[in-house]
Protein backbone atom coordinates (compact mmCIF):
# COMPACT_ATOMS: atom_id res chain seq x y z
CA MET A 1 -26.80 -3.66 -9.44
CA VAL A 2 -23.71 -2.02 -8.01
CA MET A 3 -20.59 -2.08 -10.22
CA ASN A 4 -17.21 -2.31 -8.61
CA HIS A 5 -15.19 0.44 -10.30
CA GLU A 6 -11.84 -0.85 -9.06
CA ILE A 7 -12.36 -4.11 -10.95
CA ILE A 8 -13.46 -2.26 -14.09
CA ILE A 9 -10.27 -0.16 -14.00
CA PHE A 10 -7.93 -2.95 -12.87
CA ILE A 11 -8.83 -5.66 -15.43
CA PRO A 12 -7.74 -3.77 -18.62
CA ILE A 13 -4.50 -2.67 -16.94
CA PHE A 14 -3.80 -6.25 -15.84
CA VAL A 15 -4.54 -7.59 -19.34
CA LEU A 16 -2.22 -5.01 -20.94
CA PHE A 17 0.52 -5.86 -18.43
CA ILE A 18 0.30 -9.61 -19.14
CA GLY A 19 0.10 -8.97 -22.89
CA SER A 20 3.21 -6.82 -22.86
CA ILE A 21 5.15 -9.47 -20.93
CA VAL A 22 4.12 -12.18 -23.42
CA PHE A 23 4.98 -9.91 -26.36
CA THR A 24 8.47 -9.13 -25.06
CA ILE A 25 9.19 -12.83 -24.40
CA LEU A 26 8.08 -13.78 -27.91
CA LYS A 27 10.06 -10.93 -29.45
CA LYS A 28 13.24 -12.04 -27.68
CA ARG A 29 12.84 -15.64 -28.86
CA LYS A 30 12.13 -14.69 -32.47
CA ARG A 31 15.21 -14.64 -34.72
CA SER A 32 15.31 -13.23 -38.19
CA ALA A 33 16.62 -15.34 -41.06
CA LYS A 34 19.61 -13.00 -41.38
CA SER A 35 20.69 -13.59 -37.77
CA ILE A 36 20.27 -17.37 -38.16
CA TYR A 37 22.48 -17.40 -41.28
CA LYS A 38 25.08 -15.30 -39.47
CA LEU A 39 25.04 -17.72 -36.54
CA ILE A 40 25.53 -20.70 -38.89
CA ASP A 41 28.38 -18.89 -40.68
CA ASP A 42 30.11 -18.12 -37.39
CA LEU A 43 29.81 -21.74 -36.25
CA GLU A 44 31.18 -23.03 -39.57
CA LYS A 45 34.17 -20.70 -39.38
CA LYS A 46 34.83 -21.73 -35.79
CA TYR A 47 34.59 -25.50 -36.16
CA ILE A 48 35.29 -26.32 -39.83
CA TYR A 49 38.01 -23.93 -40.94
């Protein structure tokens, strides 16, 4: 059985590339509780006071 070395090298690189894209998208969407509270405070100051 002949193994195709290009596929063996390409698949892990492709998986890492896709994984890094997914990780950066999820990291951008995630907000900490501190930033959410700051956003609520800013909106209250803008519209209520």
